[in-house]
Amino acid sequence: MRIRSLFALMTLVTISVVVFSAAALGQTFTATVRGSLTDPSRAAVPGAKISITNAATGVAHSTTSTAEGRYYFANLPPGVYKLTIQAPGFKTYEVSNLQLQVQQQVTVDGQLEVGAVETAVSVVDEVPRLQTVDATLGRVINNKEINDLPLPSRDVLQLVFLTPGVVGIQQDTGALGGSLGYTGTNFSSNGTRNSTSDVLVDGVSQTTVEQNGGITHVMYKPSTEAIQEFKVQTNSFSAEFGNTGGTVVNMVTKSGTNQLKGSLFEFHRNSVLNAKDWFSNRAGRPKIPGRANEFGGSLGGPVVLPRVYDGRNRTFFFSTTWEAALQPRPR
């Protein structure tokens, strides 16, 4: 009886994990690539072998074109890819530096040229592709912007204001009046009600509903060092995003690659480096002293166990190793 009970419990746990894992994947952050293949006479090319490879991890996916010459790749993590198309009697068609952003749907059509498969026609995809599959409005904040733009609070949600139509809300401070800012998701986009935005991290919602208020509290926000990019979707997003009344902030965290890489950083602030503002200068007041230092680092790479398991092109890890703030006492 004990064995049966234990077996039943293990079965129930397994089913629960599968069910809840499937539910967690309901809101996607991955990209898709689709297209059609034709020959010089504009006829469809069926049976072509298409592969797409992540340049950083080496993870590859493959498929075959349909009778209508169409192909489709889904669930591709954001990153840089290489697309290769091969068909008997045609030159190999390659598209390198194919940049896929969070939840982007890209169309890559290929017109194959007659020739030997050993001969390749290479296309370097450097210009961002237009979104022609759906009508979602929004803006992608990439990793360069996250690292380079001033972010004193180290809160990436402040960068949502780079998206057209997103504004802060006047905060009530009683007798002192108000100030422009936000707490949690208390911002508005395109005139919608504030505190109705949903924040996702790798497809999982991180917001909670406040009684008689709205979606104002974000339970978990990754370190800026751990975020690869995020997309602020302000209108016309798909029905899979149901827990929102105005905006979806879709974050994607970084992943390890085939190369062991790490980073060290320090965010330094010192009033000595600042100029005195106009009002203080006019009133003859000194600069307001202020100093802050924040240190941290990250590490990522393949999972490799010598003589046992080689994780290249298979399994990777990434971790923000530490992040600590140092606030010295004013002199």
Protein backbone atom coordinates (compact mmCIF):
# COMPACT_ATOMS: atom_id res chain seq x y z
CA MET A 1 0.00 0.00 0.00
CA ARG A 2 2.82 2.35 0.82
CA ILE A 3 4.44 1.68 -2.55
CA ARG A 4 1.13 2.32 -4.35
CA SER A 5 0.56 5.51 -2.37
CA LEU A 6 4.09 6.71 -3.15
CA PHE A 7 3.63 5.88 -6.84
CA ALA A 8 0.31 7.72 -6.92
CA LEU A 9 1.87 10.77 -5.23
CA MET A 10 4.77 10.83 -7.70
CA THR A 11 2.32 10.54 -10.61
CA LEU A 12 0.23 13.42 -9.25
CA VAL A 13 3.33 15.62 -8.82
CA THR A 14 4.50 14.82 -12.35
CA ILE A 15 1.11 15.67 -13.84
CA SER A 16 0.98 18.91 -11.85
CA VAL A 17 4.43 19.97 -13.07
CA VAL A 18 3.49 19.26 -16.69
CA VAL A 19 0.16 21.08 -16.42
CA PHE A 20 1.56 24.16 -14.70
CA SER A 21 4.57 24.24 -17.03
CA ALA A 22 2.23 24.25 -20.01
CA ALA A 23 0.20 27.03 -18.44
CA ALA A 24 3.34 29.08 -17.79
CA LEU A 25 4.20 28.92 -21.50
CA GLY A 26 0.89 30.51 -22.46
CA GLN A 27 2.42 33.97 -22.73
CA THR A 28 5.32 33.84 -25.14
CA PHE A 29 8.46 35.93 -25.47
CA THR A 30 10.09 33.94 -28.27
CA ALA A 31 10.31 34.92 -31.94
CA THR A 32 9.15 33.19 -35.14
CA VAL A 33 10.58 33.03 -38.65
CA ARG A 34 8.51 32.11 -41.68
CA GLY A 35 8.72 32.49 -45.44
CA SER A 36 8.24 30.99 -48.88
CA LEU A 37 10.74 29.65 -51.39
CA THR A 38 10.54 30.16 -55.15
CA ASP A 39 12.70 29.44 -58.20
CA PRO A 40 13.62 31.98 -60.94
CA SER A 41 10.21 31.39 -62.60
CA ARG A 42 8.42 32.24 -59.32
CA ALA A 43 7.28 28.63 -58.89
CA ALA A 44 7.25 27.13 -55.38
CA VAL A 45 10.19 24.99 -54.27
CA PRO A 46 8.94 22.04 -52.15
CA GLY A 47 11.13 19.66 -50.16
CA ALA A 48 13.92 22.16 -49.49
CA LYS A 49 15.91 21.69 -46.30
CA ILE A 50 15.94 24.78 -44.09
CA SER A 51 17.96 25.18 -40.90
CA ILE A 52 18.30 28.10 -38.51
CA THR A 53 21.19 28.31 -36.04
CA ASN A 54 21.72 30.56 -33.03
CA ALA A 55 25.09 32.25 -33.56
CA ALA A 56 25.86 32.46 -29.83
CA THR A 57 24.83 29.00 -28.63
CA GLY A 58 25.07 26.91 -31.80
CA VAL A 59 21.59 25.46 -31.17
CA ALA A 60 20.09 24.56 -34.57
CA HIS A 61 16.55 23.84 -35.76
CA SER A 62 15.62 22.31 -39.10
CA THR A 63 12.52 21.78 -41.21
CA THR A 64 11.43 21.04 -44.79
CA SER A 65 9.44 23.31 -47.08
CA THR A 66 5.86 22.27 -47.84
CA ALA A 67 4.33 21.56 -51.24
CA GLU A 68 3.59 25.29 -51.49
CA GLY A 69 7.24 26.11 -50.72
CA ARG A 70 6.53 27.48 -47.25
CA TYR A 71 8.42 26.96 -44.00
CA TYR A 72 7.97 28.01 -40.37
CA PHE A 73 10.12 28.17 -37.21
CA ALA A 74 8.57 28.92 -33.81
CA ASN A 75 9.79 29.36 -30.21
CA LEU A 76 13.15 30.92 -31.13
CA PRO A 77 14.80 32.79 -28.21
CA PRO A 78 15.77 36.37 -29.12
CA GLY A 79 19.27 36.62 -30.56
CA VAL A 80 21.31 36.58 -33.78
CA TYR A 81 20.71 33.67 -36.16
CA LYS A 82 21.93 32.20 -39.45
CA LEU A 83 19.35 30.81 -41.91
CA THR A 84 20.45 28.20 -44.47
CA ILE A 85 18.29 26.88 -47.34
CA GLN A 86 19.34 23.92 -49.52
CA ALA A 87 17.46 22.24 -52.38
CA PRO A 88 18.65 19.84 -55.12
CA GLY A 89 19.55 21.70 -58.32
CA PHE A 90 19.75 25.10 -56.58
CA LYS A 91 22.52 27.13 -54.99
CA THR A 92 22.59 27.23 -51.20
CA TYR A 93 20.82 30.33 -49.88
CA GLU A 94 22.21 31.78 -46.64
CA VAL A 95 21.04 34.69 -44.50
CA SER A 96 23.49 35.65 -41.76
CA ASN A 97 23.22 38.19 -38.93
CA LEU A 98 19.46 37.68 -38.73
CA GLN A 99 18.48 39.63 -35.61
CA LEU A 100 15.38 38.34 -33.79
CA GLN A 101 13.88 40.47 -31.02
CA VAL A 102 11.46 39.54 -28.25
CA GLN A 103 8.18 38.21 -29.68
CA GLN A 104 9.10 39.33 -33.18
CA GLN A 105 7.55 37.63 -36.21
CA VAL A 106 9.92 37.79 -39.17
CA THR A 107 9.26 36.87 -42.79
CA VAL A 108 12.26 35.76 -44.88
CA ASP A 109 11.35 34.81 -48.45
CA GLY A 110 14.04 33.23 -50.62
CA GLN A 111 14.32 33.14 -54.41
CA LEU A 112 16.68 30.27 -55.15
CA GLU A 113 19.10 30.37 -58.08
CA VAL A 114 19.78 27.36 -60.31
CA GLY A 115 23.21 25.87 -59.68
CA ALA A 116 25.24 23.45 -57.59
CA VAL A 117 24.42 23.08 -53.90
CA GLU A 118 28.11 23.69 -53.11
CA THR A 119 27.74 27.26 -54.42
CA ALA A 120 26.22 29.63 -51.88
CA VAL A 121 24.33 32.89 -52.21
CA SER A 122 24.95 34.83 -48.99
CA VAL A 123 22.80 37.67 -47.69
CA VAL A 124 23.88 39.73 -44.68
CA ASP A 125 20.77 40.86 -42.84
CA GLU A 126 21.84 44.15 -41.23
CA VAL A 127 18.72 46.30 -41.59
CA PRO A 128 15.92 45.68 -39.03
CA ARG A 129 13.00 43.96 -40.71
CA LEU A 130 9.55 45.51 -40.76
CA GLN A 131 6.79 43.86 -38.74
CA THR A 132 4.37 42.71 -41.45
CA VAL A 133 2.72 39.71 -39.76
CA ASP A 134 0.80 41.48 -36.97
CA ALA A 135 -0.14 45.03 -35.96
CA THR A 136 1.35 45.11 -32.47
CA LEU A 137 2.52 48.58 -31.46
CA GLY A 138 5.42 49.12 -29.10
CA ARG A 139 9.16 49.47 -28.74
CA VAL A 140 12.04 47.12 -27.99
CA ILE A 141 14.59 48.36 -25.44
CA ASN A 142 17.79 46.49 -26.28
CA ASN A 143 20.74 45.62 -24.08
CA LYS A 144 22.89 48.52 -25.31
CA GLU A 145 20.25 51.03 -24.25
CA ILE A 146 19.86 49.34 -20.86
CA ASN A 147 23.62 49.56 -20.21
CA ASP A 148 24.35 52.98 -21.74
CA LEU A 149 21.41 55.14 -20.68
CA PRO A 150 21.45 56.87 -17.25
CA LEU A 151 19.59 54.71 -14.77
CA PRO A 152 20.31 55.96 -11.23
CA SER A 153 17.64 53.78 -9.61
CA ARG A 154 18.84 50.61 -11.39
CA ASP A 155 15.18 49.92 -12.17
CA VAL A 156 14.71 48.95 -15.83
CA LEU A 157 11.00 49.78 -15.67
CA GLN A 158 11.97 53.45 -15.80
CA LEU A 159 13.00 52.86 -19.41
CA VAL A 160 9.38 52.24 -20.44
CA PHE A 161 9.11 56.02 -20.82
CA LEU A 162 11.27 55.74 -23.96
CA THR A 163 8.21 54.27 -25.68
CA PRO A 164 5.97 56.82 -27.44
CA GLY A 165 2.70 57.36 -25.58
CA VAL A 166 3.93 56.18 -22.15
CA VAL A 167 3.81 58.90 -19.49
CA GLY A 168 4.20 59.14 -15.72
CA ILE A 169 1.31 59.77 -13.37
CA GLN A 170 0.96 62.75 -11.06
CA GLN A 171 1.51 61.45 -7.54
CA ASP A 172 -0.61 62.93 -4.73
CA THR A 173 1.61 64.19 -1.91
CA GLY A 174 -1.05 65.99 0.16
CA ALA A 175 -0.41 69.60 1.09
CA LEU A 176 2.84 69.61 -0.88
CA GLY A 177 0.99 69.13 -4.15
CA GLY A 178 2.14 66.44 -6.54
CA SER A 179 5.14 65.11 -8.39
CA LEU A 180 5.49 63.34 -11.70
CA GLY A 181 6.60 59.74 -11.32
CA TYR A 182 5.45 56.18 -10.83
CA THR A 183 5.56 53.28 -8.44
CA GLY A 184 5.45 49.73 -9.76
CA THR A 185 3.26 49.82 -12.87
CA ASN A 186 1.67 53.17 -12.08
CA PHE A 187 2.14 54.69 -15.54
CA SER A 188 -0.19 55.26 -18.47
CA SER A 189 0.17 54.46 -22.16
CA ASN A 190 -1.83 56.05 -24.97
CA GLY A 191 -4.39 57.46 -22.53
CA THR A 192 -5.32 54.17 -20.89
CA ARG A 193 -5.88 53.90 -17.16
CA ASN A 194 -2.74 53.68 -15.06
CA SER A 195 -1.85 50.68 -12.90
CA THR A 196 -3.23 48.20 -15.43
CA SER A 197 0.02 47.05 -17.06
CA ASP A 198 1.40 43.52 -16.90
CA VAL A 199 5.13 42.79 -16.52
CA LEU A 200 6.43 39.43 -17.78
CA VAL A 201 9.85 37.86 -17.22
CA ASP A 202 10.58 35.05 -19.68
CA GLY A 203 6.85 34.64 -20.27
CA VAL A 204 5.78 34.53 -16.60
CA SER A 205 3.73 37.37 -15.11
CA GLN A 206 5.36 39.16 -12.17
CA THR A 207 2.52 41.48 -11.18
CA THR A 208 -0.09 41.22 -8.45
CA VAL A 209 -3.50 42.87 -8.24
CA GLU A 210 -4.06 45.34 -5.42
CA GLN A 211 -7.51 45.50 -3.86
CA ASN A 212 -9.55 48.45 -5.16
CA GLY A 213 -6.47 49.62 -6.99
CA GLY A 214 -4.89 47.88 -9.92
CA ILE A 215 -1.82 45.95 -11.00
CA THR A 216 0.62 48.13 -9.12
CA HIS A 217 3.18 45.83 -7.58
CA VAL A 218 5.89 43.94 -9.48
CA MET A 219 6.96 40.93 -7.41
CA TYR A 220 10.30 40.34 -9.18
CA LYS A 221 12.49 42.55 -11.35
CA PRO A 222 15.79 41.07 -12.57
CA SER A 223 19.03 42.95 -12.24
CA THR A 224 19.86 45.17 -15.21
CA GLU A 225 22.89 42.95 -15.79
CA ALA A 226 20.62 39.91 -16.28
CA ILE A 227 18.19 41.45 -18.80
CA GLN A 228 18.92 40.93 -22.49
CA GLU A 229 16.11 43.13 -23.79
CA PHE A 230 12.44 43.85 -23.27
CA LYS A 231 9.52 44.97 -25.36
CA VAL A 232 6.89 47.49 -24.34
CA GLN A 233 3.68 46.57 -26.19
CA THR A 234 1.15 49.37 -26.04
CA ASN A 235 -1.61 48.34 -28.43
CA SER A 236 -3.04 45.57 -30.62
CA PHE A 237 -1.27 42.72 -28.81
CA SER A 238 -2.63 39.19 -29.14
CA ALA A 239 -5.26 37.57 -26.94
CA GLU A 240 -2.66 35.54 -25.02
CA PHE A 241 -2.00 38.66 -22.92
CA GLY A 242 -5.19 38.85 -20.91
CA ASN A 243 -4.01 40.23 -17.57
CA THR A 244 -3.58 43.80 -18.75
CA GLY A 245 -5.64 46.88 -19.46
CA GLY A 246 -3.07 49.00 -21.21
CA THR A 247 0.51 47.80 -21.64
CA VAL A 248 2.57 44.60 -21.63
CA VAL A 249 6.24 44.79 -20.63
CA ASN A 250 7.83 41.58 -21.90
CA MET A 251 11.34 41.02 -20.48
CA VAL A 252 13.85 38.39 -21.62
CA THR A 253 16.81 37.39 -19.45
CA LYS A 254 20.24 36.55 -20.76
CA SER A 255 21.44 33.02 -21.44
CA GLY A 256 24.87 31.44 -21.47
CA THR A 257 26.68 30.74 -24.74
CA ASN A 258 29.30 28.30 -25.99
CA GLN A 259 31.99 30.65 -24.70
CA LEU A 260 32.61 31.28 -21.02
CA LYS A 261 31.99 35.00 -20.56
CA GLY A 262 31.61 37.25 -17.56
CA SER A 263 31.41 40.89 -16.65
CA LEU A 264 32.31 43.21 -13.80
CA PHE A 265 30.79 46.63 -13.37
CA GLU A 266 30.62 49.65 -11.11
CA PHE A 267 27.94 52.33 -11.28
CA HIS A 268 29.54 55.42 -9.79
CA ARG A 269 27.82 58.66 -8.77
CA ASN A 270 29.55 61.65 -7.19
CA SER A 271 28.34 65.23 -6.83
CA VAL A 272 31.90 66.39 -7.58
CA LEU A 273 31.31 65.40 -11.20
CA ASN A 274 28.02 67.34 -11.42
CA ALA A 275 27.49 70.97 -12.33
CA LYS A 276 25.52 73.22 -10.02
CA ASP A 277 21.94 73.63 -11.25
CA TRP A 278 20.67 77.04 -12.33
CA PHE A 279 18.43 77.65 -9.31
CA SER A 280 21.15 76.82 -6.74
CA ASN A 281 23.62 79.00 -8.62
CA ARG A 282 21.19 81.93 -8.71
CA ALA A 283 20.43 81.64 -4.98
CA GLY A 284 24.09 81.22 -4.05
CA ARG A 285 23.54 77.79 -2.57
CA PRO A 286 26.17 75.04 -2.63
CA LYS A 287 25.74 71.84 -4.56
CA ILE A 288 23.84 69.08 -2.81
CA PRO A 289 26.44 66.45 -1.86
CA GLY A 290 25.82 62.90 -2.92
CA ARG A 291 27.88 59.79 -3.54
CA ALA A 292 26.95 56.23 -4.46
CA ASN A 293 28.77 53.16 -5.76
CA GLU A 294 27.17 49.94 -6.93
CA PHE A 295 29.23 46.90 -7.85
CA GLY A 296 28.29 43.64 -9.47
CA GLY A 297 29.09 40.98 -12.02
CA SER A 298 27.77 38.12 -14.11
CA LEU A 299 29.00 34.81 -15.50
CA GLY A 300 27.66 32.54 -18.23
CA GLY A 301 28.78 29.66 -20.44
CA PRO A 302 28.22 26.02 -21.44
CA VAL A 303 27.68 23.19 -18.99
CA VAL A 304 30.71 20.92 -19.50
CA LEU A 305 31.66 17.90 -17.42
CA PRO A 306 34.95 16.35 -18.69
CA ARG A 307 34.61 12.80 -20.03
CA VAL A 308 30.96 12.71 -18.96
CA TYR A 309 28.91 15.35 -20.68
CA ASP A 310 29.65 18.10 -23.17
CA GLY A 311 27.04 20.84 -22.93
CA ARG A 312 28.11 22.76 -26.01
CA ASN A 313 25.13 23.47 -28.27
CA ARG A 314 22.92 21.85 -25.59
CA THR A 315 22.91 23.22 -22.04
CA PHE A 316 24.01 26.62 -20.76
CA PHE A 317 24.03 28.62 -17.54
CA PHE A 318 23.95 32.29 -16.67
CA SER A 319 24.05 33.98 -13.30
CA THR A 320 24.38 37.45 -11.91
CA THR A 321 27.03 36.64 -9.35
CA TRP A 322 26.50 39.60 -7.05
CA GLU A 323 25.29 43.16 -6.86
CA ALA A 324 25.95 45.34 -3.83
CA ALA A 325 25.55 49.04 -3.15
CA LEU A 326 27.92 51.18 -1.14
CA GLN A 327 26.48 54.39 0.29
CA PRO A 328 29.23 56.34 2.12
CA ARG A 329 28.28 58.69 4.91
CA PRO A 330 28.24 62.37 3.95
CA ARG A 331 31.17 64.38 5.23
